[in-house]
PDB file of N, CA and C in Angstrom:
ATOM      1  N   MET A   1      16.922 -48.092 -70.119  1.00  0.00           N
ATOM      2  CA  MET A   1      18.316 -48.277 -70.485  1.00  0.00           C
ATOM      3  C   MET A   1      18.769 -47.191 -71.455  1.00  0.00           C
ATOM      4  N   THR A   2      17.956 -46.843 -72.405  1.00  0.00           N
ATOM      5  CA  THR A   2      18.326 -45.808 -73.355  1.00  0.00           C
ATOM      6  C   THR A   2      18.547 -44.478 -72.653  1.00  0.00           C
ATOM      7  N   LEU A   3      17.681 -44.166 -71.683  1.00  0.00           N
ATOM      8  CA  LEU A   3      17.826 -42.910 -70.951  1.00  0.00           C
ATOM      9  C   LEU A   3      19.160 -42.863 -70.232  1.00  0.00           C
ATOM     10  N   LEU A   4      19.537 -43.950 -69.576  1.00  0.00           N
ATOM     11  CA  LEU A   4      20.822 -43.997 -68.885  1.00  0.00           C
ATOM     12  C   LEU A   4      21.964 -43.816 -69.868  1.00  0.00           C
ATOM     13  N   SER A   5      21.890 -44.484 -71.010  1.00  0.00           N
ATOM     14  CA  SER A   5      22.934 -44.338 -72.013  1.00  0.00           C
ATOM     15  C   SER A   5      23.020 -42.903 -72.508  1.00  0.00           C
ATOM     16  N   SER A   6      21.899 -42.253 -72.721  1.00  0.00           N
ATOM     17  CA  SER A   6      21.897 -40.868 -73.182  1.00  0.00           C
ATOM     18  C   SER A   6      22.500 -39.943 -72.146  1.00  0.00           C
ATOM     19  N   GLN A   7      22.207 -40.162 -70.884  1.00  0.00           N
ATOM     20  CA  GLN A   7      22.759 -39.326 -69.830  1.00  0.00           C
ATOM     21  C   GLN A   7      24.271 -39.470 -69.775  1.00  0.00           C
ATOM     22  N   ILE A   8      24.762 -40.679 -69.857  1.00  0.00           N
ATOM     23  CA  ILE A   8      26.203 -40.896 -69.830  1.00  0.00           C
ATOM     24  C   ILE A   8      26.842 -40.264 -71.056  1.00  0.00           C
ATOM     25  N   PHE A   9      26.239 -40.435 -72.219  1.00  0.00           N
ATOM     26  CA  PHE A   9      26.779 -39.858 -73.442  1.00  0.00           C
ATOM     27  C   PHE A   9      26.920 -38.349 -73.299  1.00  0.00           C
ATOM     28  N   LEU A  10      25.947 -37.692 -72.725  1.00  0.00           N
ATOM     29  CA  LEU A  10      25.987 -36.245 -72.583  1.00  0.00           C
ATOM     30  C   LEU A  10      27.069 -35.793 -71.606  1.00  0.00           C
ATOM     31  N   ASP A  11      27.464 -36.658 -70.690  1.00  0.00           N
ATOM     32  CA  ASP A  11      28.461 -36.302 -69.690  1.00  0.00           C
ATOM     33  C   ASP A  11      29.898 -36.529 -70.164  1.00  0.00           C
ATOM     34  N   LEU A  12      30.083 -37.055 -71.350  1.00  0.00           N
ATOM     35  CA  LEU A  12      31.440 -37.314 -71.827  1.00  0.00           C
ATOM     36  C   LEU A  12      32.165 -36.006 -72.111  1.00  0.00           C
ATOM     37  N   PRO A  13      33.389 -35.874 -71.580  1.00  0.00           N
ATOM     38  CA  PRO A  13      34.179 -34.688 -71.932  1.00  0.00           C
ATOM     39  C   PRO A  13      34.465 -34.692 -73.432  1.00  0.00           C
ATOM     40  N   PRO A  14      34.523 -33.514 -74.046  1.00  0.00           N
ATOM     41  CA  PRO A  14      34.756 -33.443 -75.497  1.00  0.00           C
ATOM     42  C   PRO A  14      36.017 -34.184 -75.942  1.00  0.00           C
ATOM     43  N   LEU A  15      37.098 -34.102 -75.167  1.00  0.00           N
ATOM     44  CA  LEU A  15      38.329 -34.795 -75.561  1.00  0.00           C
ATOM     45  C   LEU A  15      38.126 -36.302 -75.581  1.00  0.00           C
ATOM     46  N   LEU A  16      37.446 -36.834 -74.587  1.00  0.00           N
ATOM     47  CA  LEU A  16      37.187 -38.268 -74.551  1.00  0.00           C
ATOM     48  C   LEU A  16      36.333 -38.686 -75.745  1.00  0.00           C
ATOM     49  N   PHE A  17      35.303 -37.924 -76.030  1.00  0.00           N
ATOM     50  CA  PHE A  17      34.457 -38.222 -77.182  1.00  0.00           C
ATOM     51  C   PHE A  17      35.295 -38.219 -78.455  1.00  0.00           C
ATOM     52  N   HIS A  18      36.192 -37.251 -78.592  1.00  0.00           N
ATOM     53  CA  HIS A  18      37.061 -37.152 -79.767  1.00  0.00           C
ATOM     54  C   HIS A  18      37.980 -38.379 -79.875  1.00  0.00           C
ATOM     55  N   ILE A  19      38.578 -38.782 -78.760  1.00  0.00           N
ATOM     56  CA  ILE A  19      39.455 -39.965 -78.758  1.00  0.00           C
ATOM     57  C   ILE A  19      38.676 -41.193 -79.213  1.00  0.00           C
ATOM     58  N   LEU A  20      37.492 -41.387 -78.664  1.00  0.00           N
ATOM     59  CA  LEU A  20      36.687 -42.555 -79.030  1.00  0.00           C
ATOM     60  C   LEU A  20      36.242 -42.493 -80.489  1.00  0.00           C
ATOM     61  N   GLN A  21      35.934 -41.307 -80.988  1.00  0.00           N
ATOM     62  CA  GLN A  21      35.573 -41.153 -82.405  1.00  0.00           C
ATOM     63  C   GLN A  21      36.749 -41.511 -83.307  1.00  0.00           C
ATOM     64  N   GLN A  22      37.935 -41.000 -82.969  1.00  0.00           N
ATOM     65  CA  GLN A  22      39.126 -41.265 -83.777  1.00  0.00           C
ATOM     66  C   GLN A  22      39.466 -42.758 -83.751  1.00  0.00           C
ATOM     67  N   ALA A  23      39.339 -43.375 -82.590  1.00  0.00           N
ATOM     68  CA  ALA A  23      39.608 -44.813 -82.482  1.00  0.00           C
ATOM     69  C   ALA A  23      38.626 -45.595 -83.349  1.00  0.00           C
ATOM     70  N   SER A  24      37.374 -45.206 -83.306  1.00  0.00           N
ATOM     71  CA  SER A  24      36.352 -45.879 -84.109  1.00  0.00           C
ATOM     72  C   SER A  24      36.634 -45.729 -85.598  1.00  0.00           C
ATOM     73  N   SER A  25      37.133 -44.575 -86.006  1.00  0.00           N
ATOM     74  CA  SER A  25      37.433 -44.359 -87.425  1.00  0.00           C
ATOM     75  C   SER A  25      38.573 -45.258 -87.902  1.00  0.00           C
ATOM     76  N   LYS A  26      39.389 -45.762 -86.965  1.00  0.00           N
ATOM     77  CA  LYS A  26      40.463 -46.694 -87.298  1.00  0.00           C
ATOM     78  C   LYS A  26      39.996 -48.148 -87.236  1.00  0.00           C
ATOM     79  N   GLY A  27      38.727 -48.341 -86.892  1.00  0.00           N
ATOM     80  CA  GLY A  27      38.191 -49.691 -86.788  1.00  0.00           C
ATOM     81  C   GLY A  27      38.379 -50.300 -85.416  1.00  0.00           C
ATOM     82  N   TRP A  28      38.803 -49.498 -84.447  1.00  0.00           N
ATOM     83  CA  TRP A  28      38.987 -49.984 -83.079  1.00  0.00           C
ATOM     84  C   TRP A  28      37.700 -49.787 -82.303  1.00  0.00           C
ATOM     85  N   ARG A  29      37.574 -50.559 -81.240  1.00  0.00           N
ATOM     86  CA  ARG A  29      36.399 -50.428 -80.369  1.00  0.00           C
ATOM     87  C   ARG A  29      36.876 -49.931 -79.019  1.00  0.00           C
ATOM     88  N   GLY A  30      36.314 -48.833 -78.573  1.00  0.00           N
ATOM     89  CA  GLY A  30      36.684 -48.266 -77.279  1.00  0.00           C
ATOM     90  C   GLY A  30      35.573 -48.437 -76.267  1.00  0.00           C
ATOM     91  N   LEU A  31      35.953 -48.860 -75.065  1.00  0.00           N
ATOM     92  CA  LEU A  31      34.983 -49.038 -73.985  1.00  0.00           C
ATOM     93  C   LEU A  31      35.412 -48.224 -72.776  1.00  0.00           C
ATOM     94  N   LEU A  32      34.461 -47.559 -72.142  1.00  0.00           N
ATOM     95  CA  LEU A  32      34.720 -46.885 -70.876  1.00  0.00           C
ATOM     96  C   LEU A  32      34.647 -47.935 -69.783  1.00  0.00           C
ATOM     97  N   VAL A  33      35.639 -47.946 -68.906  1.00  0.00           N
ATOM     98  CA  VAL A  33      35.704 -48.970 -67.868  1.00  0.00           C
ATOM     99  C   VAL A  33      36.127 -48.334 -66.539  1.00  0.00           C
ATOM    100  N   GLY A  34      36.113 -49.135 -65.505  1.00  0.00           N
ATOM    101  CA  GLY A  34      36.687 -48.734 -64.229  1.00  0.00           C
ATOM    102  C   GLY A  34      35.888 -47.672 -63.486  1.00  0.00           C
ATOM    103  N   GLY A  35      36.644 -46.891 -62.708  1.00  0.00           N
ATOM    104  CA  GLY A  35      36.050 -45.899 -61.826  1.00  0.00           C
ATOM    105  C   GLY A  35      35.273 -44.813 -62.542  1.00  0.00           C
ATOM    106  N   TYR A  36      35.646 -44.512 -63.775  1.00  0.00           N
ATOM    107  CA  TYR A  36      34.931 -43.475 -64.524  1.00  0.00           C
ATOM    108  C   TYR A  36      33.464 -43.846 -64.689  1.00  0.00           C
ATOM    109  N   THR A  37      33.221 -45.067 -65.115  1.00  0.00           N
ATOM    110  CA  THR A  37      31.838 -45.493 -65.317  1.00  0.00           C
ATOM    111  C   THR A  37      31.104 -45.582 -63.980  1.00  0.00           C
ATOM    112  N   ARG A  38      31.772 -46.082 -62.951  1.00  0.00           N
ATOM    113  CA  ARG A  38      31.157 -46.148 -61.621  1.00  0.00           C
ATOM    114  C   ARG A  38      30.740 -44.757 -61.151  1.00  0.00           C
ATOM    115  N   ASP A  39      31.667 -43.801 -61.278  1.00  0.00           N
ATOM    116  CA  ASP A  39      31.386 -42.446 -60.813  1.00  0.00           C
ATOM    117  C   ASP A  39      30.233 -41.818 -61.582  1.00  0.00           C
ATOM    118  N   LEU A  40      30.170 -42.033 -62.896  1.00  0.00           N
ATOM    119  CA  LEU A  40      29.047 -41.501 -63.668  1.00  0.00           C
ATOM    120  C   LEU A  40      27.718 -42.085 -63.196  1.00  0.00           C
ATOM    121  N   LEU A  41      27.709 -43.385 -62.950  1.00  0.00           N
ATOM    122  CA  LEU A  41      26.472 -44.029 -62.509  1.00  0.00           C
ATOM    123  C   LEU A  41      26.043 -43.540 -61.125  1.00  0.00           C
ATOM    124  N   LEU A  42      27.012 -43.176 -60.294  1.00  0.00           N
ATOM    125  CA  LEU A  42      26.708 -42.674 -58.953  1.00  0.00           C
ATOM    126  C   LEU A  42      26.599 -41.153 -58.929  1.00  0.00           C
ATOM    127  N   THR A  43      26.604 -40.532 -60.095  1.00  0.00           N
ATOM    128  CA  THR A  43      26.546 -39.077 -60.277  1.00  0.00           C
ATOM    129  C   THR A  43      27.643 -38.339 -59.501  1.00  0.00           C
ATOM    130  N   ARG A  44      28.809 -38.929 -59.471  1.00  0.00           N
ATOM    131  CA  ARG A  44      29.988 -38.287 -58.895  1.00  0.00           C
ATOM    132  C   ARG A  44      30.843 -37.724 -60.026  1.00  0.00           C
ATOM    133  N   LYS A  45      31.689 -36.766 -59.699  1.00  0.00           N
ATOM    134  CA  LYS A  45      32.617 -36.237 -60.690  1.00  0.00           C
ATOM    135  C   LYS A  45      33.808 -37.203 -60.795  1.00  0.00           C
ATOM    136  N   PRO A  46      34.043 -37.780 -61.971  1.00  0.00           N
ATOM    137  CA  PRO A  46      35.160 -38.721 -62.136  1.00  0.00           C
ATOM    138  C   PRO A  46      36.511 -38.021 -61.966  1.00  0.00           C
ATOM    139  N   LYS A  47      37.470 -38.744 -61.387  1.00  0.00           N
ATOM    140  CA  LYS A  47      38.814 -38.198 -61.185  1.00  0.00           C
ATOM    141  C   LYS A  47      39.725 -38.476 -62.369  1.00  0.00           C
ATOM    142  N   ASP A  48      39.520 -39.588 -63.023  1.00  0.00           N
ATOM    143  CA  ASP A  48      40.297 -39.935 -64.211  1.00  0.00           C
ATOM    144  C   ASP A  48      39.414 -40.771 -65.124  1.00  0.00           C
ATOM    145  N   ILE A  49      39.940 -41.044 -66.295  1.00  0.00           N
ATOM    146  CA  ILE A  49      39.154 -41.771 -67.290  1.00  0.00           C
ATOM    147  C   ILE A  49      39.908 -43.031 -67.685  1.00  0.00           C
ATOM    148  N   ASP A  50      39.224 -44.153 -67.630  1.00  0.00           N
ATOM    149  CA  ASP A  50      39.790 -45.430 -68.051  1.00  0.00           C
ATOM    150  C   ASP A  50      39.042 -45.905 -69.283  1.00  0.00           C
ATOM    151  N   ILE A  51      39.802 -46.183 -70.342  1.00  0.00           N
ATOM    152  CA  ILE A  51      39.200 -46.758 -71.541  1.00  0.00           C
ATOM    153  C   ILE A  51      40.006 -47.980 -71.953  1.00  0.00           C
ATOM    154  N   GLU A  52      39.328 -48.898 -72.604  1.00  0.00           N
ATOM    155  CA  GLU A  52      39.991 -50.046 -73.223  1.00  0.00           C
ATOM    156  C   GLU A  52      39.774 -49.921 -74.717  1.00  0.00           C
ATOM    157  N   LEU A  53      40.840 -50.155 -75.466  1.00  0.00           N
ATOM    158  CA  LEU A  53      40.744 -50.121 -76.928  1.00  0.00           C
ATOM    159  C   LEU A  53      41.023 -51.515 -77.467  1.00  0.00           C
ATOM    160  N   TYR A  54      40.108 -52.001 -78.286  1.00  0.00           N
ATOM    161  CA  TYR A  54      40.244 -53.323 -78.898  1.00  0.00           C
ATOM    162  C   TYR A  54      40.463 -53.168 -80.396  1.00  0.00           C
ATOM    163  N   GLY A  55      41.282 -54.043 -80.943  1.00  0.00           N
ATOM    164  CA  GLY A  55      41.528 -54.043 -82.372  1.00  0.00           C
ATOM    165  C   GLY A  55      42.814 -53.346 -82.774  1.00  0.00           C
ATOM    166  N   VAL A  56      43.578 -52.879 -81.806  1.00  0.00           N
ATOM    167  CA  VAL A  56      44.839 -52.197 -82.093  1.00  0.00           C
ATOM    168  C   VAL A  56      45.879 -53.256 -82.448  1.00  0.00           C
ATOM    169  N   GLU A  57      46.620 -53.013 -83.517  1.00  0.00           N
ATOM    170  CA  GLU A  57      47.580 -53.998 -84.010  1.00  0.00           C
ATOM    171  C   GLU A  57      48.785 -54.204 -83.076  1.00  0.00           C
ATOM    172  N   ASP A  58      49.385 -53.101 -82.598  1.00  0.00           N
ATOM    173  CA  ASP A  58      50.576 -53.257 -81.748  1.00  0.00           C
ATOM    174  C   ASP A  58      50.721 -52.071 -80.800  1.00  0.00           C
ATOM    175  N   ASP A  59      51.643 -52.225 -79.837  1.00  0.00           N
ATOM    176  CA  ASP A  59      51.861 -51.208 -78.804  1.00  0.00           C
ATOM    177  C   ASP A  59      52.312 -49.872 -79.383  1.00  0.00           C
ATOM    178  N   GLN A  60      53.170 -49.896 -80.389  1.00  0.00           N
ATOM    179  CA  GLN A  60      53.661 -48.651 -80.970  1.00  0.00           C
ATOM    180  C   GLN A  60      52.527 -47.867 -81.611  1.00  0.00           C
ATOM    181  N   GLN A  61      51.652 -48.560 -82.294  1.00  0.00           N
ATOM    182  CA  GLN A  61      50.506 -47.926 -82.919  1.00  0.00           C
ATOM    183  C   GLN A  61      49.621 -47.266 -81.857  1.00  0.00           C
ATOM    184  N   LEU A  62      49.394 -47.972 -80.767  1.00  0.00           N
ATOM    185  CA  LEU A  62      48.582 -47.442 -79.675  1.00  0.00           C
ATOM    186  C   LEU A  62      49.236 -46.219 -79.040  1.00  0.00           C
ATOM    187  N   CYS A  63      50.522 -46.302 -78.729  1.00  0.00           N
ATOM    188  CA  CYS A  63      51.224 -45.184 -78.097  1.00  0.00           C
ATOM    189  C   CYS A  63      51.248 -43.958 -79.001  1.00  0.00           C
ATOM    190  N   PHE A  64      51.479 -44.149 -80.293  1.00  0.00           N
ATOM    191  CA  PHE A  64      51.472 -43.023 -81.225  1.00  0.00           C
ATOM    192  C   PHE A  64      50.092 -42.378 -81.266  1.00  0.00           C
ATOM    193  N   PHE A  65      49.066 -43.189 -81.364  1.00  0.00           N
ATOM    194  CA  PHE A  65      47.696 -42.672 -81.410  1.00  0.00           C
ATOM    195  C   PHE A  65      47.382 -41.864 -80.155  1.00  0.00           C
ATOM    196  N   LEU A  66      47.677 -42.422 -78.983  1.00  0.00           N
ATOM    197  CA  LEU A  66      47.340 -41.750 -77.732  1.00  0.00           C
ATOM    198  C   LEU A  66      48.193 -40.520 -77.464  1.00  0.00           C
ATOM    199  N   SER A  67      49.417 -40.481 -77.996  1.00  0.00           N
ATOM    200  CA  SER A  67      50.302 -39.338 -77.755  1.00  0.00           C
ATOM    201  C   SER A  67      49.735 -38.039 -78.335  1.00  0.00           C
ATOM    202  N   GLN A  68      48.837 -38.146 -79.279  1.00  0.00           N
ATOM    203  CA  GLN A  68      48.210 -36.965 -79.878  1.00  0.00           C
ATOM    204  C   GLN A  68      47.294 -36.229 -78.911  1.00  0.00           C
ATOM    205  N   PHE A  69      46.906 -36.896 -77.832  1.00  0.00           N
ATOM    206  CA  PHE A  69      45.890 -36.360 -76.940  1.00  0.00           C
ATOM    207  C   PHE A  69      46.434 -35.910 -75.590  1.00  0.00           C
ATOM    208  N   GLY A  70      47.742 -35.804 -75.450  1.00  0.00           N
ATOM    209  CA  GLY A  70      48.315 -35.346 -74.191  1.00  0.00           C
ATOM    210  C   GLY A  70      48.809 -36.494 -73.338  1.00  0.00           C
ATOM    211  N   GLU A  71      48.840 -36.253 -72.035  1.00  0.00           N
ATOM    212  CA  GLU A  71      49.382 -37.246 -71.101  1.00  0.00           C
ATOM    213  C   GLU A  71      48.448 -38.443 -70.992  1.00  0.00           C
ATOM    214  N   VAL A  72      48.978 -39.605 -71.321  1.00  0.00           N
ATOM    215  CA  VAL A  72      48.216 -40.840 -71.283  1.00  0.00           C
ATOM    216  C   VAL A  72      49.080 -41.912 -70.649  1.00  0.00           C
ATOM    217  N   LYS A  73      48.508 -42.673 -69.754  1.00  0.00           N
ATOM    218  CA  LYS A  73      49.220 -43.797 -69.147  1.00  0.00           C
ATOM    219  C   LYS A  73      48.648 -45.075 -69.739  1.00  0.00           C
ATOM    220  N   THR A  74      49.538 -45.923 -70.242  1.00  0.00           N
ATOM    221  CA  THR A  74      49.057 -47.204 -70.764  1.00  0.00           C
ATOM    222  C   THR A  74      49.354 -48.290 -69.742  1.00  0.00           C
ATOM    223  N   VAL A  75      48.330 -49.041 -69.418  1.00  0.00           N
ATOM    224  CA  VAL A  75      48.469 -50.180 -68.514  1.00  0.00           C
ATOM    225  C   VAL A  75      47.693 -51.337 -69.120  1.00  0.00           C
ATOM    226  N   GLY A  76      48.063 -52.530 -68.752  1.00  0.00           N
ATOM    227  CA  GLY A  76      47.334 -53.692 -69.244  1.00  0.00           C
ATOM    228  C   GLY A  76      47.336 -53.807 -70.750  1.00  0.00           C
ATOM    229  N   LYS A  77      48.494 -53.535 -71.366  1.00  0.00           N
ATOM    230  CA  LYS A  77      48.580 -53.533 -72.823  1.00  0.00           C
ATOM    231  C   LYS A  77      48.249 -54.893 -73.421  1.00  0.00           C
ATOM    232  N   LYS A  78      48.393 -55.942 -72.687  1.00  0.00           N
ATOM    233  CA  LYS A  78      48.104 -57.272 -73.211  1.00  0.00           C
ATOM    234  C   LYS A  78      46.603 -57.477 -73.216  1.00  0.00           C
TER     235      LYS A  78
END
């Protein structure tokens, strides 16, 4: 299990790693979900990245945070 986790960690794009680090510094928990994780496990090149952030106080806070990183689509805000 550790080996698999290390392989996935090494495959993270720098921007994604930065987003997750910044979210963690705010006390939020970020999880990789959806097709991105599936593609990594199947050793395919992911087409997009899906993350879930937990601990965010409100939608405005989330949108402001994500706007720093370029084009981001928010879905499933609830």
